[in-house]
Amino acid sequence: MTQAQEDARYQITVSVESEYLPEQSDAEGNRWVYAYHVSIHNGGEVAARLLTRHWVITDGEERVQEVHGEGVIGEQPSIAPGQTFEYSSGAVLETSVGSMRGSYQMLAEDGTCFDASIPVFTLAPPNTLH
């Protein structure tokens, strides 16, 4: 396997929208629950399989939790050029506000390994941040 640099053949774009789930949250119990909806688009020239994920979750008190795992939602999807894979998952924080960022480790069908960056996004109840 070879490692891809900034190469037009390997262009995975990740976008995320977060959603506060008040019905599952308990402010008095320091439990804030969020769903996040991920869209992974392959704008490159070769299909790529999502092998693993790495998340960095930071709460409002700057406590950091790192999560590593295989695939997403029990899958290791292969995303063809021009295709988009979408899924939803969740996170629980001990503070009302936090953030997440990370990366997916991808394997292109030509044997090249590369990382797809997940940009930082905020976890916060509506109207909490300005």
N, C-alpha and C. Protein backbone atom coordinates (compact mmCIF):
# COMPACT_ATOMS: atom_id res chain seq x y z
N MET A 1 0.83 -1.18 0.00
CA MET A 1 0.00 0.00 0.00
C MET A 1 0.88 1.24 0.00
N THR A 2 0.43 2.23 -0.71
CA THR A 2 1.14 3.51 -0.73
C THR A 2 0.28 4.56 -0.04
N GLN A 3 0.89 5.65 0.36
CA GLN A 3 0.19 6.72 1.06
C GLN A 3 -0.07 7.87 0.09
N ALA A 4 -1.32 8.32 0.00
CA ALA A 4 -1.69 9.42 -0.89
C ALA A 4 -1.35 10.76 -0.25
N GLN A 5 -0.86 11.66 -1.04
CA GLN A 5 -0.69 13.04 -0.62
C GLN A 5 -1.90 13.80 -1.18
N GLU A 6 -1.80 15.11 -1.29
CA GLU A 6 -2.88 15.89 -1.90
C GLU A 6 -2.94 15.50 -3.36
N ASP A 7 -3.86 14.63 -3.70
CA ASP A 7 -3.94 14.05 -5.03
C ASP A 7 -5.40 14.09 -5.47
N ALA A 8 -5.65 14.57 -6.67
CA ALA A 8 -7.01 14.72 -7.18
C ALA A 8 -7.75 13.38 -7.26
N ARG A 9 -7.01 12.28 -7.30
CA ARG A 9 -7.67 10.98 -7.38
C ARG A 9 -8.38 10.62 -6.08
N TYR A 10 -7.93 11.23 -4.97
CA TYR A 10 -8.44 10.87 -3.65
C TYR A 10 -9.01 12.12 -2.96
N GLN A 11 -10.24 12.45 -3.27
CA GLN A 11 -10.86 13.66 -2.73
C GLN A 11 -12.16 13.29 -2.01
N ILE A 12 -12.04 13.05 -0.72
CA ILE A 12 -13.21 12.75 0.11
C ILE A 12 -13.55 14.00 0.92
N THR A 13 -14.80 14.45 0.80
CA THR A 13 -15.26 15.62 1.54
C THR A 13 -16.29 15.18 2.56
N VAL A 14 -16.08 15.59 3.80
CA VAL A 14 -16.98 15.21 4.89
C VAL A 14 -17.66 16.46 5.43
N SER A 15 -18.99 16.39 5.55
CA SER A 15 -19.74 17.47 6.20
C SER A 15 -20.62 16.86 7.28
N VAL A 16 -20.83 17.62 8.36
CA VAL A 16 -21.57 17.11 9.50
C VAL A 16 -22.53 18.19 10.01
N GLU A 17 -23.74 17.76 10.35
CA GLU A 17 -24.70 18.62 11.03
C GLU A 17 -25.05 17.96 12.35
N SER A 18 -25.05 18.76 13.43
CA SER A 18 -25.37 18.20 14.75
C SER A 18 -26.78 18.64 15.15
N GLU A 19 -27.35 17.85 16.06
CA GLU A 19 -28.72 18.09 16.51
C GLU A 19 -28.81 17.75 17.99
N TYR A 20 -29.28 18.70 18.78
CA TYR A 20 -29.48 18.48 20.22
C TYR A 20 -30.73 17.64 20.42
N LEU A 21 -30.67 16.65 21.31
CA LEU A 21 -31.80 15.77 21.59
C LEU A 21 -32.29 16.01 23.03
N PRO A 22 -33.15 17.01 23.23
CA PRO A 22 -33.57 17.35 24.59
C PRO A 22 -34.32 16.22 25.29
N GLU A 23 -35.06 15.40 24.53
CA GLU A 23 -35.84 14.33 25.15
C GLU A 23 -34.96 13.24 25.75
N GLN A 24 -33.70 13.16 25.31
CA GLN A 24 -32.77 12.16 25.85
C GLN A 24 -31.78 12.78 26.85
N SER A 25 -31.80 14.09 26.95
CA SER A 25 -30.84 14.81 27.80
C SER A 25 -31.41 15.03 29.18
N ASP A 26 -30.50 15.25 30.15
CA ASP A 26 -30.88 15.50 31.53
C ASP A 26 -29.88 16.50 32.11
N ALA A 27 -30.23 17.80 32.06
CA ALA A 27 -29.31 18.85 32.51
C ALA A 27 -28.91 18.66 33.97
N GLU A 28 -29.87 18.29 34.83
CA GLU A 28 -29.57 18.09 36.25
C GLU A 28 -28.61 16.93 36.46
N GLY A 29 -28.64 15.96 35.56
CA GLY A 29 -27.73 14.82 35.64
C GLY A 29 -26.47 14.98 34.81
N ASN A 30 -26.23 16.20 34.33
CA ASN A 30 -25.05 16.50 33.49
C ASN A 30 -24.96 15.54 32.30
N ARG A 31 -26.07 15.41 31.59
CA ARG A 31 -26.12 14.53 30.43
C ARG A 31 -26.78 15.29 29.28
N TRP A 32 -25.98 15.62 28.27
CA TRP A 32 -26.46 16.29 27.08
C TRP A 32 -26.22 15.37 25.89
N VAL A 33 -27.30 15.06 25.19
CA VAL A 33 -27.25 14.07 24.12
C VAL A 33 -27.43 14.77 22.77
N TYR A 34 -26.59 14.37 21.83
CA TYR A 34 -26.59 14.94 20.48
C TYR A 34 -26.60 13.84 19.43
N ALA A 35 -27.30 14.10 18.35
CA ALA A 35 -27.17 13.28 17.15
C ALA A 35 -26.30 14.08 16.18
N TYR A 36 -25.56 13.38 15.35
CA TYR A 36 -24.86 14.07 14.27
C TYR A 36 -25.07 13.28 12.98
N HIS A 37 -25.25 14.04 11.92
CA HIS A 37 -25.58 13.49 10.61
C HIS A 37 -24.41 13.77 9.68
N VAL A 38 -23.80 12.70 9.18
CA VAL A 38 -22.56 12.80 8.41
C VAL A 38 -22.83 12.51 6.93
N SER A 39 -22.23 13.30 6.08
CA SER A 39 -22.27 13.09 4.64
C SER A 39 -20.83 12.99 4.14
N ILE A 40 -20.50 11.87 3.50
CA ILE A 40 -19.14 11.61 3.00
C ILE A 40 -19.23 11.52 1.48
N HIS A 41 -18.64 12.49 0.80
CA HIS A 41 -18.73 12.55 -0.66
C HIS A 41 -17.38 12.23 -1.30
N ASN A 42 -17.40 11.35 -2.29
CA ASN A 42 -16.18 11.02 -3.03
C ASN A 42 -16.14 11.87 -4.30
N GLY A 43 -15.34 12.92 -4.26
CA GLY A 43 -15.15 13.79 -5.42
C GLY A 43 -13.90 13.42 -6.20
N GLY A 44 -13.33 12.29 -5.87
CA GLY A 44 -12.10 11.85 -6.52
C GLY A 44 -12.37 10.99 -7.74
N GLU A 45 -11.33 10.31 -8.18
CA GLU A 45 -11.38 9.53 -9.41
C GLU A 45 -11.44 8.03 -9.19
N VAL A 46 -11.26 7.59 -7.93
CA VAL A 46 -11.29 6.15 -7.65
C VAL A 46 -12.19 5.87 -6.45
N ALA A 47 -12.80 4.70 -6.44
CA ALA A 47 -13.61 4.29 -5.29
C ALA A 47 -12.71 4.14 -4.07
N ALA A 48 -13.29 4.38 -2.90
CA ALA A 48 -12.52 4.26 -1.67
C ALA A 48 -13.41 3.65 -0.59
N ARG A 49 -12.83 2.77 0.21
CA ARG A 49 -13.54 2.13 1.32
C ARG A 49 -13.12 2.79 2.62
N LEU A 50 -14.11 3.09 3.46
CA LEU A 50 -13.86 3.65 4.78
C LEU A 50 -13.51 2.48 5.72
N LEU A 51 -12.27 2.45 6.16
CA LEU A 51 -11.81 1.34 7.00
C LEU A 51 -12.03 1.60 8.49
N THR A 52 -11.54 2.76 8.97
CA THR A 52 -11.61 3.07 10.40
C THR A 52 -11.97 4.53 10.59
N ARG A 53 -12.32 4.83 11.85
CA ARG A 53 -12.64 6.21 12.21
C ARG A 53 -11.83 6.60 13.44
N HIS A 54 -11.59 7.90 13.57
CA HIS A 54 -10.93 8.47 14.74
C HIS A 54 -11.66 9.77 15.07
N TRP A 55 -12.29 9.81 16.22
CA TRP A 55 -13.00 11.00 16.68
C TRP A 55 -12.27 11.60 17.87
N VAL A 56 -12.25 12.94 17.93
CA VAL A 56 -11.76 13.68 19.09
C VAL A 56 -12.95 14.50 19.58
N ILE A 57 -13.44 14.16 20.77
CA ILE A 57 -14.63 14.80 21.34
C ILE A 57 -14.16 15.64 22.53
N THR A 58 -14.47 16.94 22.49
CA THR A 58 -14.06 17.86 23.54
C THR A 58 -15.30 18.47 24.16
N ASP A 59 -15.41 18.40 25.50
CA ASP A 59 -16.57 19.00 26.15
C ASP A 59 -16.27 20.44 26.55
N GLY A 60 -17.25 21.10 27.17
CA GLY A 60 -17.13 22.51 27.53
C GLY A 60 -16.09 22.80 28.59
N GLU A 61 -15.58 21.78 29.26
CA GLU A 61 -14.52 21.95 30.25
C GLU A 61 -13.17 21.49 29.70
N GLU A 62 -13.09 21.36 28.38
CA GLU A 62 -11.86 20.98 27.68
C GLU A 62 -11.40 19.56 27.96
N ARG A 63 -12.31 18.72 28.47
CA ARG A 63 -11.97 17.30 28.62
C ARG A 63 -12.08 16.66 27.24
N VAL A 64 -11.09 15.85 26.91
CA VAL A 64 -11.02 15.25 25.58
C VAL A 64 -11.18 13.73 25.69
N GLN A 65 -12.01 13.21 24.81
CA GLN A 65 -12.19 11.76 24.69
C GLN A 65 -11.88 11.40 23.23
N GLU A 66 -11.05 10.40 23.03
CA GLU A 66 -10.75 9.95 21.67
C GLU A 66 -11.40 8.59 21.45
N VAL A 67 -11.98 8.43 20.28
CA VAL A 67 -12.66 7.19 19.92
C VAL A 67 -12.05 6.67 18.62
N HIS A 68 -11.61 5.42 18.65
CA HIS A 68 -11.08 4.75 17.45
C HIS A 68 -11.95 3.53 17.21
N GLY A 69 -12.21 3.23 15.96
CA GLY A 69 -12.99 2.04 15.69
C GLY A 69 -13.01 1.70 14.21
N GLU A 70 -13.50 0.49 13.94
CA GLU A 70 -13.63 0.07 12.55
C GLU A 70 -14.91 0.63 11.97
N GLY A 71 -14.82 1.11 10.74
CA GLY A 71 -15.98 1.55 9.99
C GLY A 71 -16.84 2.55 10.72
N VAL A 72 -18.09 2.65 10.24
CA VAL A 72 -19.10 3.51 10.85
C VAL A 72 -20.42 2.75 10.87
N ILE A 73 -21.16 2.87 11.94
CA ILE A 73 -22.44 2.18 12.15
C ILE A 73 -22.42 0.73 11.68
N GLY A 74 -21.33 0.04 11.99
CA GLY A 74 -21.22 -1.38 11.66
C GLY A 74 -20.89 -1.67 10.21
N GLU A 75 -20.54 -0.66 9.44
CA GLU A 75 -20.22 -0.84 8.03
C GLU A 75 -18.83 -0.30 7.70
N GLN A 76 -18.28 -0.81 6.62
CA GLN A 76 -17.08 -0.25 6.01
C GLN A 76 -17.45 0.06 4.56
N PRO A 77 -18.19 1.15 4.36
CA PRO A 77 -18.74 1.41 3.04
C PRO A 77 -17.68 1.73 1.99
N SER A 78 -17.93 1.25 0.78
CA SER A 78 -17.12 1.63 -0.37
C SER A 78 -17.89 2.72 -1.10
N ILE A 79 -17.22 3.84 -1.35
CA ILE A 79 -17.87 4.99 -1.95
C ILE A 79 -17.26 5.24 -3.33
N ALA A 80 -18.08 5.07 -4.36
CA ALA A 80 -17.62 5.24 -5.73
C ALA A 80 -17.45 6.72 -6.07
N PRO A 81 -16.64 7.05 -7.07
CA PRO A 81 -16.50 8.44 -7.49
C PRO A 81 -17.88 9.05 -7.78
N GLY A 82 -18.10 10.25 -7.27
CA GLY A 82 -19.36 10.94 -7.46
C GLY A 82 -20.46 10.54 -6.50
N GLN A 83 -20.22 9.52 -5.69
CA GLN A 83 -21.23 9.01 -4.76
C GLN A 83 -21.06 9.65 -3.38
N THR A 84 -22.15 9.61 -2.61
CA THR A 84 -22.16 10.12 -1.24
C THR A 84 -22.73 9.04 -0.33
N PHE A 85 -22.06 8.83 0.81
CA PHE A 85 -22.55 7.91 1.84
C PHE A 85 -22.97 8.76 3.04
N GLU A 86 -24.17 8.50 3.56
CA GLU A 86 -24.66 9.26 4.69
C GLU A 86 -25.03 8.33 5.83
N TYR A 87 -24.81 8.79 7.06
CA TYR A 87 -25.22 8.04 8.23
C TYR A 87 -25.41 8.99 9.40
N SER A 88 -26.07 8.51 10.43
CA SER A 88 -26.26 9.29 11.65
C SER A 88 -25.77 8.49 12.84
N SER A 89 -25.26 9.20 13.83
CA SER A 89 -24.81 8.58 15.06
C SER A 89 -25.05 9.56 16.20
N GLY A 90 -24.45 9.32 17.35
CA GLY A 90 -24.70 10.19 18.48
C GLY A 90 -23.53 10.30 19.43
N ALA A 91 -23.63 11.30 20.31
CA ALA A 91 -22.61 11.54 21.32
C ALA A 91 -23.30 12.06 22.58
N VAL A 92 -22.72 11.72 23.72
CA VAL A 92 -23.23 12.18 25.01
C VAL A 92 -22.11 12.95 25.70
N LEU A 93 -22.45 14.17 26.15
CA LEU A 93 -21.47 15.01 26.84
C LEU A 93 -21.91 15.24 28.29
N GLU A 94 -20.94 15.60 29.14
CA GLU A 94 -21.23 15.96 30.53
C GLU A 94 -21.42 17.47 30.67
N THR A 95 -21.23 18.22 29.59
CA THR A 95 -21.46 19.67 29.57
C THR A 95 -22.42 19.97 28.42
N SER A 96 -23.06 21.13 28.48
CA SER A 96 -24.06 21.46 27.46
C SER A 96 -23.46 21.76 26.10
N VAL A 97 -22.19 22.16 26.08
CA VAL A 97 -21.53 22.55 24.83
C VAL A 97 -20.25 21.75 24.66
N GLY A 98 -19.95 21.41 23.41
CA GLY A 98 -18.71 20.72 23.10
C GLY A 98 -18.45 20.76 21.61
N SER A 99 -17.47 20.00 21.20
CA SER A 99 -17.15 19.93 19.77
C SER A 99 -16.60 18.55 19.43
N MET A 100 -16.66 18.24 18.15
CA MET A 100 -16.08 16.99 17.64
C MET A 100 -15.32 17.29 16.36
N ARG A 101 -14.31 16.49 16.13
CA ARG A 101 -13.53 16.52 14.88
C ARG A 101 -12.89 15.16 14.73
N GLY A 102 -12.28 14.91 13.58
CA GLY A 102 -11.62 13.62 13.44
C GLY A 102 -11.21 13.32 12.04
N SER A 103 -11.13 12.01 11.74
CA SER A 103 -10.74 11.59 10.41
C SER A 103 -11.21 10.16 10.16
N TYR A 104 -11.38 9.86 8.89
CA TYR A 104 -11.64 8.50 8.44
C TYR A 104 -10.40 8.02 7.72
N GLN A 105 -10.01 6.79 7.96
CA GLN A 105 -8.89 6.19 7.26
C GLN A 105 -9.48 5.41 6.08
N MET A 106 -9.08 5.78 4.89
CA MET A 106 -9.66 5.27 3.65
C MET A 106 -8.65 4.40 2.91
N LEU A 107 -9.18 3.44 2.15
CA LEU A 107 -8.37 2.60 1.28
C LEU A 107 -8.97 2.69 -0.12
N ALA A 108 -8.22 3.30 -1.04
CA ALA A 108 -8.69 3.42 -2.42
C ALA A 108 -8.58 2.07 -3.11
N GLU A 109 -9.40 1.88 -4.15
CA GLU A 109 -9.40 0.59 -4.85
C GLU A 109 -8.06 0.30 -5.53
N ASP A 110 -7.21 1.32 -5.68
CA ASP A 110 -5.88 1.08 -6.26
C ASP A 110 -4.84 0.72 -5.20
N GLY A 111 -5.29 0.54 -3.93
CA GLY A 111 -4.38 0.13 -2.85
C GLY A 111 -3.78 1.28 -2.06
N THR A 112 -4.14 2.51 -2.38
CA THR A 112 -3.60 3.68 -1.69
C THR A 112 -4.40 3.97 -0.42
N CYS A 113 -3.68 4.15 0.69
CA CYS A 113 -4.31 4.55 1.95
C CYS A 113 -4.22 6.06 2.11
N PHE A 114 -5.29 6.67 2.61
CA PHE A 114 -5.25 8.10 2.88
C PHE A 114 -6.29 8.43 3.95
N ASP A 115 -6.13 9.60 4.56
CA ASP A 115 -7.06 10.06 5.59
C ASP A 115 -8.01 11.09 4.99
N ALA A 116 -9.26 11.01 5.39
CA ALA A 116 -10.26 12.01 5.04
C ALA A 116 -10.57 12.77 6.32
N SER A 117 -10.32 14.05 6.32
CA SER A 117 -10.50 14.88 7.51
C SER A 117 -11.98 15.16 7.77
N ILE A 118 -12.36 15.11 9.05
CA ILE A 118 -13.69 15.49 9.48
C ILE A 118 -13.54 16.86 10.16
N PRO A 119 -14.08 17.91 9.56
CA PRO A 119 -13.90 19.24 10.15
C PRO A 119 -14.59 19.36 11.50
N VAL A 120 -14.06 20.25 12.33
CA VAL A 120 -14.64 20.45 13.66
C VAL A 120 -16.08 20.95 13.52
N PHE A 121 -16.95 20.43 14.39
CA PHE A 121 -18.32 20.93 14.45
C PHE A 121 -18.73 21.03 15.91
N THR A 122 -19.69 21.91 16.16
CA THR A 122 -20.12 22.24 17.52
C THR A 122 -21.31 21.39 17.93
N LEU A 123 -21.30 21.02 19.20
CA LEU A 123 -22.44 20.37 19.83
C LEU A 123 -22.97 21.36 20.86
N ALA A 124 -24.19 21.87 20.65
CA ALA A 124 -24.76 22.87 21.56
C ALA A 124 -26.27 22.91 21.37
N PRO A 125 -27.02 23.10 22.46
CA PRO A 125 -28.47 23.27 22.31
C PRO A 125 -28.76 24.54 21.50
N PRO A 126 -29.92 24.59 20.85
CA PRO A 126 -30.26 25.79 20.08
C PRO A 126 -30.23 27.06 20.95
N ASN A 127 -29.79 28.14 20.35
CA ASN A 127 -29.74 29.46 20.98
C ASN A 127 -28.81 29.55 22.17
N THR A 128 -27.85 28.60 22.27
CA THR A 128 -26.88 28.63 23.36
C THR A 128 -25.68 29.50 22.99
N LEU A 129 -25.23 29.38 21.75
CA LEU A 129 -24.07 30.12 21.27
C LEU A 129 -24.52 31.19 20.29
N HIS A 130 -23.79 32.28 20.23
CA HIS A 130 -24.16 33.37 19.32
C HIS A 130 -23.18 33.44 18.17
